[in-house]
């Protein structure tokens, strides 16, 4: 698709905590995105090379103890329109970066409700975000929005007639997220184990070093 066939719909500026634009994300119709960085001369370069990644609307999160994490900027703007602070990463359902959690902690965020899109990438992203936030001490709820179409999101939920009170009640009724990974239990073993194998064969296992010696015809 060439540039003439695309229509620029929205520009999302990504700013550091001092309000300086580090890069921006342009949404086109049909749905495509381009990210650009300032060239230092009033223009833009069509990549993010060398920029520091930040979450969307980072400066506005200062002092907000409870926020939403959405998959994209459109949903973030829909939440703010309701008076609910929200953010997202610059790559949609892309990889979680530890710096995002650190940025939220620095702004004073204590609780996050993650709102995944209704598809497999969205749910996987929601789990990754929840795990990353939990690692930095933030309480997390992963909220499943009811009656969404496939690939539906927060904007679809609100467009279906749900309002701020519905969303807040849903968040409050969602339990705190906990990892579903199997728990690894380390079994304490004696530092040395001597074992007779028969036929004058013996082993000596030294566990802390991970060494096992086998001896034949011990005298």
Protein backbone atom coordinates (compact mmCIF):
# COMPACT_ATOMS: atom_id res chain seq x y z
CA UNK A 1 0.00 0.00 0.00
CA UNK A 2 1.49 3.36 -0.99
CA UNK A 3 1.30 6.59 0.97
CA UNK A 4 -1.46 8.02 -1.26
CA UNK A 5 -3.83 5.21 -0.20
CA UNK A 6 -3.37 5.87 3.53
CA UNK A 7 -5.15 8.47 5.62
CA UNK A 8 -3.45 9.81 8.74
CA UNK A 9 -5.88 9.38 11.64
CA UNK A 10 -4.02 10.19 14.85
CA UNK A 11 -0.58 11.07 16.20
CA UNK A 12 0.42 9.78 19.64
CA UNK A 13 3.40 11.54 21.23
CA UNK A 14 5.55 9.53 23.64
CA UNK A 15 7.15 11.87 26.18
CA UNK A 16 9.61 11.43 29.02
CA UNK A 17 8.64 12.43 32.55
CA UNK A 18 9.76 16.00 31.84
CA UNK A 19 7.38 16.26 28.87
CA UNK A 20 9.97 16.05 26.08
CA UNK A 21 8.81 14.14 22.99
CA UNK A 22 11.11 11.15 22.50
CA UNK A 23 9.22 9.63 19.57
CA UNK A 24 5.74 9.48 18.16
CA UNK A 25 3.40 6.87 16.74
CA UNK A 26 1.19 7.67 13.75
CA UNK A 27 -2.01 5.71 13.15
CA UNK A 28 -3.27 5.46 9.58
CA UNK A 29 -6.43 4.09 8.00
CA UNK A 30 -6.52 1.31 6.89
CA UNK A 31 -5.03 0.35 10.27
CA UNK A 32 -1.26 0.70 10.09
CA UNK A 33 1.30 2.39 12.31
CA UNK A 34 4.60 4.20 11.80
CA UNK A 35 6.92 5.36 14.58
CA UNK A 36 9.22 8.34 14.18
CA UNK A 37 11.83 10.21 16.20
CA UNK A 38 12.77 13.89 16.07
CA UNK A 39 15.71 14.71 13.83
CA UNK A 40 16.72 17.71 15.99
CA UNK A 41 15.91 20.18 13.22
CA UNK A 42 12.12 20.22 13.41
CA UNK A 43 11.62 17.15 11.25
CA UNK A 44 11.21 13.42 11.79
CA UNK A 45 13.12 10.23 11.06
CA UNK A 46 11.04 7.12 10.41
CA UNK A 47 12.55 4.87 13.10
CA UNK A 48 13.16 4.72 16.87
CA UNK A 49 16.89 4.13 16.68
CA UNK A 50 18.66 5.28 19.84
CA UNK A 51 15.56 6.55 21.67
CA UNK A 52 14.59 5.64 25.22
CA UNK A 53 11.33 3.70 25.30
CA UNK A 54 8.62 4.99 27.63
CA UNK A 55 4.99 4.20 28.34
CA UNK A 56 2.29 6.34 26.78
CA UNK A 57 1.24 9.52 28.64
CA UNK A 58 4.00 9.01 31.19
CA UNK A 59 4.00 12.59 32.59
CA UNK A 60 0.25 12.44 33.34
CA UNK A 61 0.73 9.32 35.48
CA UNK A 62 2.60 11.22 38.18
CA UNK A 63 0.74 10.78 41.47
CA UNK A 64 -1.82 8.35 40.02
CA UNK A 65 -1.93 5.40 42.41
CA UNK A 66 -4.33 3.26 40.35
CA UNK A 67 -4.32 3.07 36.55
CA UNK A 68 -5.31 0.87 33.60
CA UNK A 69 -2.88 -0.83 31.25
CA UNK A 70 -4.36 -1.21 27.77
CA UNK A 71 -3.02 -2.72 24.58
CA UNK A 72 -3.10 0.45 22.51
CA UNK A 73 -3.32 4.20 22.57
CA UNK A 74 -6.93 4.31 21.35
CA UNK A 75 -8.08 2.46 24.46
CA UNK A 76 -5.88 4.61 26.68
CA UNK A 77 -7.53 7.73 25.32
CA UNK A 78 -10.98 6.19 25.84
CA UNK A 79 -10.12 5.54 29.50
CA UNK A 80 -8.84 9.07 30.07
CA UNK A 81 -12.07 10.40 28.50
CA UNK A 82 -13.89 8.67 31.37
CA UNK A 83 -11.54 10.22 33.91
CA UNK A 84 -9.62 6.98 34.45
CA UNK A 85 -5.81 7.28 34.08
CA UNK A 86 -4.34 4.72 31.72
CA UNK A 87 -1.26 3.86 29.72
CA UNK A 88 0.21 1.30 27.31
CA UNK A 89 3.50 0.41 25.69
CA UNK A 90 4.44 1.66 22.22
CA UNK A 91 4.32 -1.77 20.56
CA UNK A 92 0.75 -2.95 21.15
CA UNK A 93 0.84 -6.60 22.21
CA UNK A 94 4.61 -6.63 21.77
CA UNK A 95 7.21 -7.64 24.36
CA UNK A 96 7.12 -6.32 27.91
CA UNK A 97 10.14 -4.20 28.85
CA UNK A 98 11.26 -4.00 32.53
CA UNK A 99 11.75 -0.24 32.16
CA UNK A 100 7.98 0.18 31.86
CA UNK A 101 7.41 -1.16 35.35
CA UNK A 102 10.22 1.00 36.71
CA UNK A 103 8.68 4.09 35.12
CA UNK A 104 5.30 3.40 36.71
CA UNK A 105 6.86 2.89 40.14
CA UNK A 106 8.75 6.17 39.78
CA UNK A 107 5.47 7.95 39.04
CA UNK A 108 3.90 6.53 42.21
CA UNK A 109 1.65 3.89 40.62
CA UNK A 110 0.67 1.18 43.11
CA UNK A 111 -2.21 -0.68 41.43
CA UNK A 112 -2.80 -1.59 37.78
CA UNK A 113 -5.79 -3.19 36.08
CA UNK A 114 -4.59 -4.83 32.87
CA UNK A 115 -7.25 -4.85 30.11
CA UNK A 116 -6.23 -7.39 27.43
CA UNK A 117 -7.72 -7.47 23.95
CA UNK A 118 -9.98 -10.47 23.33
CA UNK A 119 -7.56 -12.63 21.36
CA UNK A 120 -4.63 -14.94 22.02
CA UNK A 121 -1.90 -12.29 21.54
CA UNK A 122 -3.81 -9.92 23.80
CA UNK A 123 -4.19 -12.46 26.58
CA UNK A 124 -0.52 -13.47 26.34
CA UNK A 125 0.49 -9.82 26.47
CA UNK A 126 -1.74 -9.26 29.50
CA UNK A 127 -0.06 -12.10 31.37
CA UNK A 128 3.40 -10.77 30.50
CA UNK A 129 2.47 -7.28 31.67
CA UNK A 130 1.01 -8.62 34.90
CA UNK A 131 4.15 -10.64 35.64
CA UNK A 132 6.39 -7.65 34.91
CA UNK A 133 4.38 -5.34 37.14
CA UNK A 134 4.24 -7.85 39.96
CA UNK A 135 8.05 -8.08 39.91
CA UNK A 136 8.32 -4.39 40.79
CA UNK A 137 5.79 -4.64 43.63
CA UNK A 138 2.66 -3.35 41.89
CA UNK A 139 -0.69 -5.02 42.67
CA UNK A 140 -2.18 -6.29 39.43
CA UNK A 141 -5.61 -7.43 38.27
CA UNK A 142 -6.07 -8.90 34.79
CA UNK A 143 -9.61 -7.93 33.83
CA UNK A 144 -11.66 -9.91 31.30
CA UNK A 145 -14.24 -7.68 29.65
CA UNK A 146 -17.52 -9.53 29.02
CA UNK A 147 -19.32 -9.95 25.69
CA UNK A 148 -16.47 -8.76 23.51
CA UNK A 149 -16.22 -9.80 19.85
CA UNK A 150 -13.06 -11.54 18.67
CA UNK A 151 -10.19 -9.04 18.84
CA UNK A 152 -12.45 -6.72 20.83
CA UNK A 153 -10.98 -4.18 23.24
CA UNK A 154 -11.89 -1.57 25.84
CA UNK A 155 -13.23 0.80 23.18
CA UNK A 156 -15.61 -1.92 21.97
CA UNK A 157 -16.73 -2.57 25.56
CA UNK A 158 -17.55 1.10 26.08
CA UNK A 159 -19.21 1.40 22.67
CA UNK A 160 -21.56 -1.45 23.66
CA UNK A 161 -23.13 0.79 26.30
CA UNK A 162 -20.97 0.05 29.32
CA UNK A 163 -19.84 3.05 31.33
CA UNK A 164 -17.30 4.08 33.92
CA UNK A 165 -19.25 2.59 36.84
CA UNK A 166 -19.52 -0.78 35.04
CA UNK A 167 -15.79 -0.84 34.39
CA UNK A 168 -14.84 0.11 37.94
CA UNK A 169 -17.19 -2.52 39.40
CA UNK A 170 -15.69 -5.14 37.10
CA UNK A 171 -12.17 -4.21 38.20
CA UNK A 172 -13.09 -4.35 41.89
CA UNK A 173 -14.63 -7.81 41.45
CA UNK A 174 -11.51 -9.16 39.73
CA UNK A 175 -9.09 -10.88 42.12
CA UNK A 176 -5.45 -9.89 42.44
CA UNK A 177 -3.46 -11.67 39.75
CA UNK A 178 -1.20 -14.55 40.73
CA UNK A 179 1.24 -16.44 38.53
CA UNK A 180 0.02 -19.80 37.28
CA UNK A 181 3.54 -21.18 36.77
CA UNK A 182 4.32 -24.38 38.65
CA UNK A 183 6.22 -23.72 41.86
CA UNK A 184 9.74 -25.12 41.97
CA UNK A 185 10.62 -26.47 45.40
CA UNK A 186 14.30 -26.88 46.14
CA UNK A 187 14.86 -30.03 48.17
CA UNK A 188 17.72 -29.79 50.62
CA UNK A 189 20.22 -32.58 50.12
CA UNK A 190 23.14 -33.60 52.29
CA UNK A 191 26.43 -32.18 51.01
CA UNK A 192 28.00 -35.63 50.49
CA UNK A 193 26.38 -38.99 49.84
CA UNK A 194 28.44 -42.22 49.80
CA UNK A 195 26.70 -45.16 48.13
CA UNK A 196 27.75 -48.78 47.57
CA UNK A 197 26.71 -50.06 44.14
CA UNK A 198 27.88 -53.67 44.60
CA UNK A 199 30.73 -55.63 43.04
CA UNK A 200 33.21 -53.38 44.85
CA UNK A 201 31.87 -50.24 43.11
CA UNK A 202 31.04 -47.08 45.04
CA UNK A 203 29.99 -43.48 44.32
CA UNK A 204 30.59 -40.27 46.27
CA UNK A 205 28.22 -37.42 45.29
CA UNK A 206 29.24 -33.91 46.36
CA UNK A 207 26.04 -31.94 45.81
CA UNK A 208 26.97 -28.29 46.23
CA UNK A 209 29.66 -28.64 43.56
CA UNK A 210 27.62 -31.04 41.41
CA UNK A 211 30.43 -33.61 41.40
CA UNK A 212 30.01 -37.42 41.48
CA UNK A 213 33.03 -39.73 41.88
CA UNK A 214 32.87 -43.44 41.13
CA UNK A 215 35.44 -45.78 42.73
CA UNK A 216 36.25 -49.42 41.97
CA UNK A 217 37.84 -51.82 44.47
CA UNK A 218 37.99 -49.46 47.42
CA UNK A 219 40.76 -50.33 49.91
